[in-house]
């Protein structure tokens, strides 16, 4: 299991489009991918779970990857979040 903190830079936070983009990216990996925010854990492969976390711009989340491709998944997902999730 590997984890890393990352800051959400999207001006509107994780609304529907960037949440969907995050899920689509997370689905590329076999590892279990979650994130923690404010004491709660959300499944990064579920749009409803990501939206339910109510992540706003400037919030910091901890991405957690656990599985066979965890290192690559964490590296790519952190880079994707830092790049603005396709927005």
PDB file of N, CA and C in Angstrom:
ATOM      1  N   UNK A   1       0.843  -1.179   0.000  1.00  0.00           N
ATOM      2  CA  UNK A   1       0.000   0.000   0.000  1.00  0.00           C
ATOM      3  C   UNK A   1       0.887   1.240   0.000  1.00  0.00           C
ATOM      4  N   UNK A   2       0.555   2.183  -0.861  1.00  0.00           N
ATOM      5  CA  UNK A   2       1.286   3.448  -0.943  1.00  0.00           C
ATOM      6  C   UNK A   2       0.277   4.587  -0.888  1.00  0.00           C
ATOM      7  N   UNK A   3       0.718   5.732  -0.370  1.00  0.00           N
ATOM      8  CA  UNK A   3      -0.181   6.883  -0.297  1.00  0.00           C
ATOM      9  C   UNK A   3       0.605   8.172  -0.441  1.00  0.00           C
ATOM     10  N   UNK A   4      -0.102   9.220  -0.849  1.00  0.00           N
ATOM     11  CA  UNK A   4       0.517  10.536  -0.998  1.00  0.00           C
ATOM     12  C   UNK A   4      -0.554  11.606  -0.921  1.00  0.00           C
ATOM     13  N   UNK A   5      -0.211  12.719  -0.276  1.00  0.00           N
ATOM     14  CA  UNK A   5      -1.132  13.853  -0.213  1.00  0.00           C
ATOM     15  C   UNK A   5      -1.018  14.650  -1.501  1.00  0.00           C
ATOM     16  N   UNK A   6      -2.162  15.171  -1.942  1.00  0.00           N
ATOM     17  CA  UNK A   6      -2.186  15.993  -3.154  1.00  0.00           C
ATOM     18  C   UNK A   6      -3.266  17.060  -2.982  1.00  0.00           C
ATOM     19  N   UNK A   7      -2.986  18.242  -3.503  1.00  0.00           N
ATOM     20  CA  UNK A   7      -3.903  19.370  -3.374  1.00  0.00           C
ATOM     21  C   UNK A   7      -4.766  19.491  -4.628  1.00  0.00           C
ATOM     22  N   UNK A   8      -6.049  19.729  -4.432  1.00  0.00           N
ATOM     23  CA  UNK A   8      -6.979  19.908  -5.551  1.00  0.00           C
ATOM     24  C   UNK A   8      -6.854  21.349  -6.045  1.00  0.00           C
ATOM     25  N   UNK A   9      -6.464  21.514  -7.312  1.00  0.00           N
ATOM     26  CA  UNK A   9      -6.247  22.862  -7.838  1.00  0.00           C
ATOM     27  C   UNK A   9      -7.399  23.359  -8.711  1.00  0.00           C
ATOM     28  N   UNK A  10      -8.338  22.487  -9.050  1.00  0.00           N
ATOM     29  CA  UNK A  10      -9.470  22.903  -9.880  1.00  0.00           C
ATOM     30  C   UNK A  10     -10.226  24.032  -9.183  1.00  0.00           C
ATOM     31  N   UNK A  11     -10.543  25.120  -9.887  1.00  0.00           N
ATOM     32  CA  UNK A  11     -11.225  26.258  -9.263  1.00  0.00           C
ATOM     33  C   UNK A  11     -12.572  25.903  -8.637  1.00  0.00           C
ATOM     34  N   UNK A  12     -13.247  24.894  -9.179  1.00  0.00           N
ATOM     35  CA  UNK A  12     -14.569  24.512  -8.667  1.00  0.00           C
ATOM     36  C   UNK A  12     -14.530  23.213  -7.877  1.00  0.00           C
ATOM     37  N   UNK A  13     -13.327  22.711  -7.543  1.00  0.00           N
ATOM     38  CA  UNK A  13     -13.218  21.475  -6.786  1.00  0.00           C
ATOM     39  C   UNK A  13     -13.568  20.256  -7.625  1.00  0.00           C
ATOM     40  N   UNK A  14     -13.977  19.190  -6.948  1.00  0.00           N
ATOM     41  CA  UNK A  14     -14.310  17.947  -7.657  1.00  0.00           C
ATOM     42  C   UNK A  14     -15.812  17.886  -7.944  1.00  0.00           C
ATOM     43  N   UNK A  15     -16.264  18.712  -8.886  1.00  0.00           N
ATOM     44  CA  UNK A  15     -17.651  18.624  -9.335  1.00  0.00           C
ATOM     45  C   UNK A  15     -17.737  17.488 -10.351  1.00  0.00           C
ATOM     46  N   UNK A  16     -18.843  17.358 -11.027  1.00  0.00           N
ATOM     47  CA  UNK A  16     -19.109  16.164 -11.837  1.00  0.00           C
ATOM     48  C   UNK A  16     -18.039  15.842 -12.888  1.00  0.00           C
ATOM     49  N   UNK A  17     -17.626  16.816 -13.681  1.00  0.00           N
ATOM     50  CA  UNK A  17     -16.678  16.515 -14.758  1.00  0.00           C
ATOM     51  C   UNK A  17     -15.316  16.055 -14.220  1.00  0.00           C
ATOM     52  N   UNK A  18     -14.655  16.814 -13.326  1.00  0.00           N
ATOM     53  CA  UNK A  18     -13.365  16.316 -12.838  1.00  0.00           C
ATOM     54  C   UNK A  18     -13.494  15.044 -11.989  1.00  0.00           C
ATOM     55  N   UNK A  19     -14.611  14.878 -11.300  1.00  0.00           N
ATOM     56  CA  UNK A  19     -14.828  13.641 -10.530  1.00  0.00           C
ATOM     57  C   UNK A  19     -14.902  12.456 -11.490  1.00  0.00           C
ATOM     58  N   UNK A  20     -15.610  12.625 -12.593  1.00  0.00           N
ATOM     59  CA  UNK A  20     -15.703  11.579 -13.612  1.00  0.00           C
ATOM     60  C   UNK A  20     -14.352  11.287 -14.238  1.00  0.00           C
ATOM     61  N   UNK A  21     -13.578  12.351 -14.484  1.00  0.00           N
ATOM     62  CA  UNK A  21     -12.240  12.174 -15.053  1.00  0.00           C
ATOM     63  C   UNK A  21     -11.333  11.409 -14.092  1.00  0.00           C
ATOM     64  N   UNK A  22     -11.414  11.729 -12.806  1.00  0.00           N
ATOM     65  CA  UNK A  22     -10.614  11.017 -11.801  1.00  0.00           C
ATOM     66  C   UNK A  22     -10.990   9.537 -11.771  1.00  0.00           C
ATOM     67  N   UNK A  23     -12.277   9.257 -11.791  1.00  0.00           N
ATOM     68  CA  UNK A  23     -12.747   7.867 -11.771  1.00  0.00           C
ATOM     69  C   UNK A  23     -12.290   7.111 -13.010  1.00  0.00           C
ATOM     70  N   UNK A  24     -12.404   7.757 -14.159  1.00  0.00           N
ATOM     71  CA  UNK A  24     -12.001   7.119 -15.415  1.00  0.00           C
ATOM     72  C   UNK A  24     -10.512   6.774 -15.382  1.00  0.00           C
ATOM     73  N   UNK A  25      -9.709   7.679 -14.857  1.00  0.00           N
ATOM     74  CA  UNK A  25      -8.272   7.439 -14.746  1.00  0.00           C
ATOM     75  C   UNK A  25      -7.984   6.318 -13.740  1.00  0.00           C
ATOM     76  N   UNK A  26      -8.676   6.333 -12.604  1.00  0.00           N
ATOM     77  CA  UNK A  26      -8.466   5.313 -11.567  1.00  0.00           C
ATOM     78  C   UNK A  26      -8.856   3.921 -12.060  1.00  0.00           C
ATOM     79  N   UNK A  27      -9.862   3.847 -12.926  1.00  0.00           N
ATOM     80  CA  UNK A  27     -10.347   2.558 -13.436  1.00  0.00           C
ATOM     81  C   UNK A  27      -9.314   1.851 -14.320  1.00  0.00           C
ATOM     82  N   UNK A  28      -8.305   2.556 -14.757  1.00  0.00           N
ATOM     83  CA  UNK A  28      -7.271   1.964 -15.607  1.00  0.00           C
ATOM     84  C   UNK A  28      -6.375   1.002 -14.825  1.00  0.00           C
ATOM     85  N   UNK A  29      -6.460   1.060 -13.502  1.00  0.00           N
ATOM     86  CA  UNK A  29      -5.552   0.276 -12.662  1.00  0.00           C
ATOM     87  C   UNK A  29      -6.291  -0.825 -11.916  1.00  0.00           C
ATOM     88  N   UNK A  30      -5.581  -1.925 -11.672  1.00  0.00           N
ATOM     89  CA  UNK A  30      -6.160  -3.062 -10.953  1.00  0.00           C
ATOM     90  C   UNK A  30      -6.190  -2.826  -9.442  1.00  0.00           C
ATOM     91  N   UNK A  31      -5.344  -1.939  -8.962  1.00  0.00           N
ATOM     92  CA  UNK A  31      -5.253  -1.672  -7.526  1.00  0.00           C
ATOM     93  C   UNK A  31      -6.544  -1.073  -6.989  1.00  0.00           C
ATOM     94  N   UNK A  32      -6.753  -1.286  -5.691  1.00  0.00           N
ATOM     95  CA  UNK A  32      -7.844  -0.603  -4.991  1.00  0.00           C
ATOM     96  C   UNK A  32      -7.370   0.835  -4.784  1.00  0.00           C
ATOM     97  N   UNK A  33      -8.158   1.802  -5.221  1.00  0.00           N
ATOM     98  CA  UNK A  33      -7.757   3.202  -5.131  1.00  0.00           C
ATOM     99  C   UNK A  33      -8.810   3.979  -4.358  1.00  0.00           C
ATOM    100  N   UNK A  34      -8.376   4.547  -3.250  1.00  0.00           N
ATOM    101  CA  UNK A  34      -9.267   5.341  -2.403  1.00  0.00           C
ATOM    102  C   UNK A  34      -8.573   6.651  -2.082  1.00  0.00           C
ATOM    103  N   UNK A  35      -9.320   7.562  -1.460  1.00  0.00           N
ATOM    104  CA  UNK A  35      -8.678   8.746  -0.923  1.00  0.00           C
ATOM    105  C   UNK A  35      -9.348   9.128   0.388  1.00  0.00           C
ATOM    106  N   UNK A  36      -8.555   9.740   1.236  1.00  0.00           N
ATOM    107  CA  UNK A  36      -9.058  10.187   2.536  1.00  0.00           C
ATOM    108  C   UNK A  36      -9.123  11.699   2.548  1.00  0.00           C
ATOM    109  N   UNK A  37     -10.192  12.200   3.148  1.00  0.00           N
ATOM    110  CA  UNK A  37     -10.370  13.628   3.298  1.00  0.00           C
ATOM    111  C   UNK A  37     -11.243  13.858   4.515  1.00  0.00           C
ATOM    112  N   UNK A  38     -10.768  14.657   5.419  1.00  0.00           N
ATOM    113  CA  UNK A  38     -11.556  15.036   6.593  1.00  0.00           C
ATOM    114  C   UNK A  38     -12.039  13.818   7.397  1.00  0.00           C
ATOM    115  N   UNK A  39     -11.177  12.821   7.521  1.00  0.00           N
ATOM    116  CA  UNK A  39     -11.520  11.647   8.305  1.00  0.00           C
ATOM    117  C   UNK A  39     -12.389  10.622   7.601  1.00  0.00           C
ATOM    118  N   UNK A  40     -12.800  10.897   6.376  1.00  0.00           N
ATOM    119  CA  UNK A  40     -13.633   9.965   5.613  1.00  0.00           C
ATOM    120  C   UNK A  40     -12.823   9.345   4.484  1.00  0.00           C
ATOM    121  N   UNK A  41     -13.238   8.175   4.050  1.00  0.00           N
ATOM    122  CA  UNK A  41     -12.592   7.493   2.938  1.00  0.00           C
ATOM    123  C   UNK A  41     -13.580   7.362   1.786  1.00  0.00           C
ATOM    124  N   UNK A  42     -13.104   7.664   0.572  1.00  0.00           N
ATOM    125  CA  UNK A  42     -13.946   7.571  -0.621  1.00  0.00           C
ATOM    126  C   UNK A  42     -13.277   6.664  -1.650  1.00  0.00           C
ATOM    127  N   UNK A  43     -14.087   5.943  -2.403  1.00  0.00           N
ATOM    128  CA  UNK A  43     -13.614   5.077  -3.472  1.00  0.00           C
ATOM    129  C   UNK A  43     -13.366   5.947  -4.706  1.00  0.00           C
ATOM    130  N   UNK A  44     -12.123   6.021  -5.159  1.00  0.00           N
ATOM    131  CA  UNK A  44     -11.781   6.871  -6.302  1.00  0.00           C
ATOM    132  C   UNK A  44     -12.308   6.315  -7.622  1.00  0.00           C
ATOM    133  N   UNK A  45     -12.833   5.090  -7.609  1.00  0.00           N
ATOM    134  CA  UNK A  45     -13.385   4.509  -8.830  1.00  0.00           C
ATOM    135  C   UNK A  45     -14.901   4.677  -8.917  1.00  0.00           C
ATOM    136  N   UNK A  46     -15.493   5.377  -7.957  1.00  0.00           N
ATOM    137  CA  UNK A  46     -16.942   5.596  -7.920  1.00  0.00           C
ATOM    138  C   UNK A  46     -17.243   7.095  -7.977  1.00  0.00           C
ATOM    139  N   UNK A  47     -17.919   7.533  -9.030  1.00  0.00           N
ATOM    140  CA  UNK A  47     -18.251   8.949  -9.187  1.00  0.00           C
ATOM    141  C   UNK A  47     -19.087   9.427  -8.001  1.00  0.00           C
ATOM    142  N   UNK A  48     -20.056   8.637  -7.576  1.00  0.00           N
ATOM    143  CA  UNK A  48     -20.898   9.046  -6.450  1.00  0.00           C
ATOM    144  C   UNK A  48     -20.095   9.185  -5.162  1.00  0.00           C
ATOM    145  N   UNK A  49     -19.148   8.292  -4.956  1.00  0.00           N
ATOM    146  CA  UNK A  49     -18.308   8.359  -3.774  1.00  0.00           C
ATOM    147  C   UNK A  49     -17.432   9.616  -3.805  1.00  0.00           C
ATOM    148  N   UNK A  50     -16.863   9.930  -4.968  1.00  0.00           N
ATOM    149  CA  UNK A  50     -16.023  11.119  -5.117  1.00  0.00           C
ATOM    150  C   UNK A  50     -16.857  12.383  -4.916  1.00  0.00           C
ATOM    151  N   UNK A  51     -18.021  12.437  -5.543  1.00  0.00           N
ATOM    152  CA  UNK A  51     -18.891  13.611  -5.391  1.00  0.00           C
ATOM    153  C   UNK A  51     -19.355  13.774  -3.955  1.00  0.00           C
ATOM    154  N   UNK A  52     -19.635  12.673  -3.293  1.00  0.00           N
ATOM    155  CA  UNK A  52     -20.116  12.691  -1.916  1.00  0.00           C
ATOM    156  C   UNK A  52     -19.093  13.221  -0.922  1.00  0.00           C
ATOM    157  N   UNK A  53     -17.819  13.220  -1.319  1.00  0.00           N
ATOM    158  CA  UNK A  53     -16.763  13.716  -0.428  1.00  0.00           C
ATOM    159  C   UNK A  53     -16.763  15.248  -0.362  1.00  0.00           C
ATOM    160  N   UNK A  54     -17.437  15.901  -1.316  1.00  0.00           N
ATOM    161  CA  UNK A  54     -17.554  17.377  -1.343  1.00  0.00           C
ATOM    162  C   UNK A  54     -16.193  18.066  -1.266  1.00  0.00           C
ATOM    163  N   UNK A  55     -15.283  17.690  -2.160  1.00  0.00           N
ATOM    164  CA  UNK A  55     -13.947  18.264  -2.187  1.00  0.00           C
ATOM    165  C   UNK A  55     -13.980  19.604  -2.928  1.00  0.00           C
ATOM    166  N   UNK A  56     -13.438  20.621  -2.286  1.00  0.00           N
ATOM    167  CA  UNK A  56     -13.420  21.963  -2.861  1.00  0.00           C
ATOM    168  C   UNK A  56     -12.008  22.335  -3.297  1.00  0.00           C
ATOM    169  N   UNK A  57     -11.905  23.395  -4.081  1.00  0.00           N
ATOM    170  CA  UNK A  57     -10.609  23.882  -4.533  1.00  0.00           C
ATOM    171  C   UNK A  57      -9.734  24.228  -3.336  1.00  0.00           C
ATOM    172  N   UNK A  58      -8.488  23.790  -3.384  1.00  0.00           N
ATOM    173  CA  UNK A  58      -7.551  24.061  -2.301  1.00  0.00           C
ATOM    174  C   UNK A  58      -7.515  22.982  -1.231  1.00  0.00           C
ATOM    175  N   UNK A  59      -8.494  22.073  -1.249  1.00  0.00           N
ATOM    176  CA  UNK A  59      -8.509  20.981  -0.277  1.00  0.00           C
ATOM    177  C   UNK A  59      -7.377  20.002  -0.579  1.00  0.00           C
ATOM    178  N   UNK A  60      -6.883  19.355   0.462  1.00  0.00           N
ATOM    179  CA  UNK A  60      -5.836  18.359   0.309  1.00  0.00           C
ATOM    180  C   UNK A  60      -6.407  16.987   0.623  1.00  0.00           C
ATOM    181  N   UNK A  61      -6.186  16.048  -0.289  1.00  0.00           N
ATOM    182  CA  UNK A  61      -6.648  14.678  -0.088  1.00  0.00           C
ATOM    183  C   UNK A  61      -5.423  13.767  -0.028  1.00  0.00           C
ATOM    184  N   UNK A  62      -5.597  12.595   0.555  1.00  0.00           N
ATOM    185  CA  UNK A  62      -4.540  11.585   0.573  1.00  0.00           C
ATOM    186  C   UNK A  62      -4.982  10.438  -0.321  1.00  0.00           C
ATOM    187  N   UNK A  63      -4.316  10.292  -1.461  1.00  0.00           N
ATOM    188  CA  UNK A  63      -4.604   9.182  -2.371  1.00  0.00           C
ATOM    189  C   UNK A  63      -3.935   7.927  -1.827  1.00  0.00           C
ATOM    190  N   UNK A  64      -4.663   6.817  -1.842  1.00  0.00           N
ATOM    191  CA  UNK A  64      -4.150   5.545  -1.330  1.00  0.00           C
ATOM    192  C   UNK A  64      -4.355   4.476  -2.401  1.00  0.00           C
ATOM    193  N   UNK A  65      -3.276   3.812  -2.784  1.00  0.00           N
ATOM    194  CA  UNK A  65      -3.344   2.745  -3.780  1.00  0.00           C
ATOM    195  C   UNK A  65      -2.821   1.466  -3.157  1.00  0.00           C
ATOM    196  N   UNK A  66      -3.551   0.374  -3.364  1.00  0.00           N
ATOM    197  CA  UNK A  66      -3.185  -0.908  -2.775  1.00  0.00           C
ATOM    198  C   UNK A  66      -3.430  -2.009  -3.798  1.00  0.00           C
ATOM    199  N   UNK A  67      -2.348  -2.622  -4.275  1.00  0.00           N
ATOM    200  CA  UNK A  67      -2.493  -3.704  -5.240  1.00  0.00           C
ATOM    201  C   UNK A  67      -1.252  -3.877  -6.086  1.00  0.00           C
ATOM    202  N   UNK A  68      -1.388  -4.681  -7.120  1.00  0.00           N
ATOM    203  CA  UNK A  68      -0.241  -5.065  -7.934  1.00  0.00           C
ATOM    204  C   UNK A  68       0.405  -3.912  -8.693  1.00  0.00           C
ATOM    205  N   UNK A  69      -0.376  -2.907  -9.088  1.00  0.00           N
ATOM    206  CA  UNK A  69       0.186  -1.786  -9.847  1.00  0.00           C
ATOM    207  C   UNK A  69       0.116  -0.477  -9.052  1.00  0.00           C
ATOM    208  N   UNK A  70       0.231  -0.593  -7.721  1.00  0.00           N
ATOM    209  CA  UNK A  70       0.029   0.557  -6.831  1.00  0.00           C
ATOM    210  C   UNK A  70       1.014   1.699  -7.073  1.00  0.00           C
ATOM    211  N   UNK A  71       2.280   1.386  -7.318  1.00  0.00           N
ATOM    212  CA  UNK A  71       3.287   2.445  -7.505  1.00  0.00           C
ATOM    213  C   UNK A  71       2.970   3.305  -8.732  1.00  0.00           C
ATOM    214  N   UNK A  72       2.727   2.653  -9.854  1.00  0.00           N
ATOM    215  CA  UNK A  72       2.412   3.377 -11.084  1.00  0.00           C
ATOM    216  C   UNK A  72       1.092   4.121 -10.976  1.00  0.00           C
ATOM    217  N   UNK A  73       0.112   3.484 -10.337  1.00  0.00           N
ATOM    218  CA  UNK A  73      -1.199   4.116 -10.181  1.00  0.00           C
ATOM    219  C   UNK A  73      -1.075   5.395  -9.366  1.00  0.00           C
ATOM    220  N   UNK A  74      -0.362   5.334  -8.249  1.00  0.00           N
ATOM    221  CA  UNK A  74      -0.214   6.517  -7.403  1.00  0.00           C
ATOM    222  C   UNK A  74       0.519   7.625  -8.150  1.00  0.00           C
ATOM    223  N   UNK A  75       1.606   7.286  -8.801  1.00  0.00           N
ATOM    224  CA  UNK A  75       2.388   8.278  -9.545  1.00  0.00           C
ATOM    225  C   UNK A  75       1.538   8.972 -10.605  1.00  0.00           C
ATOM    226  N   UNK A  76       0.813   8.183 -11.386  1.00  0.00           N
ATOM    227  CA  UNK A  76       0.002   8.752 -12.477  1.00  0.00           C
ATOM    228  C   UNK A  76      -1.190   9.548 -11.950  1.00  0.00           C
ATOM    229  N   UNK A  77      -1.849   9.067 -10.923  1.00  0.00           N
ATOM    230  CA  UNK A  77      -3.013   9.775 -10.383  1.00  0.00           C
ATOM    231  C   UNK A  77      -2.618  11.089  -9.715  1.00  0.00           C
ATOM    232  N   UNK A  78      -1.519  11.104  -8.993  1.00  0.00           N
ATOM    233  CA  UNK A  78      -1.043  12.350  -8.387  1.00  0.00           C
ATOM    234  C   UNK A  78      -0.732  13.370  -9.486  1.00  0.00           C
ATOM    235  N   UNK A  79      -0.039  12.924 -10.525  1.00  0.00           N
ATOM    236  CA  UNK A  79       0.286  13.826 -11.639  1.00  0.00           C
ATOM    237  C   UNK A  79      -0.989  14.338 -12.298  1.00  0.00           C
ATOM    238  N   UNK A  80      -1.976  13.472 -12.448  1.00  0.00           N
ATOM    239  CA  UNK A  80      -3.238  13.857 -13.085  1.00  0.00           C
ATOM    240  C   UNK A  80      -3.992  14.894 -12.248  1.00  0.00           C
ATOM    241  N   UNK A  81      -4.050  14.677 -10.941  1.00  0.00           N
ATOM    242  CA  UNK A  81      -4.707  15.640 -10.052  1.00  0.00           C
ATOM    243  C   UNK A  81      -3.967  16.971 -10.085  1.00  0.00           C
ATOM    244  N   UNK A  82      -2.644  16.923 -10.034  1.00  0.00           N
ATOM    245  CA  UNK A  82      -1.844  18.146 -10.039  1.00  0.00           C
ATOM    246  C   UNK A  82      -1.963  18.903 -11.352  1.00  0.00           C
ATOM    247  N   UNK A  83      -2.307  18.196 -12.435  1.00  0.00           N
ATOM    248  CA  UNK A  83      -2.463  18.853 -13.744  1.00  0.00           C
ATOM    249  C   UNK A  83      -3.862  19.436 -13.928  1.00  0.00           C
ATOM    250  N   UNK A  84      -4.760  19.222 -12.974  1.00  0.00           N
ATOM    251  CA  UNK A  84      -6.096  19.809 -13.056  1.00  0.00           C
ATOM    252  C   UNK A  84      -7.185  18.869 -13.506  1.00  0.00           C
ATOM    253  N   UNK A  85      -6.919  17.574 -13.561  1.00  0.00           N
ATOM    254  CA  UNK A  85      -7.940  16.562 -13.906  1.00  0.00           C
ATOM    255  C   UNK A  85      -8.607  16.822 -15.250  1.00  0.00           C
ATOM    256  N   UNK A  86      -7.820  17.229 -16.232  1.00  0.00           N
ATOM    257  CA  UNK A  86      -8.343  17.392 -17.585  1.00  0.00           C
ATOM    258  C   UNK A  86      -9.141  18.654 -17.817  1.00  0.00           C
ATOM    259  N   UNK A  87      -9.105  19.584 -16.892  1.00  0.00           N
ATOM    260  CA  UNK A  87      -9.858  20.841 -17.083  1.00  0.00           C
ATOM    261  C   UNK A  87      -8.935  21.971 -17.455  1.00  0.00           C
TER     262      UNK A  87
END
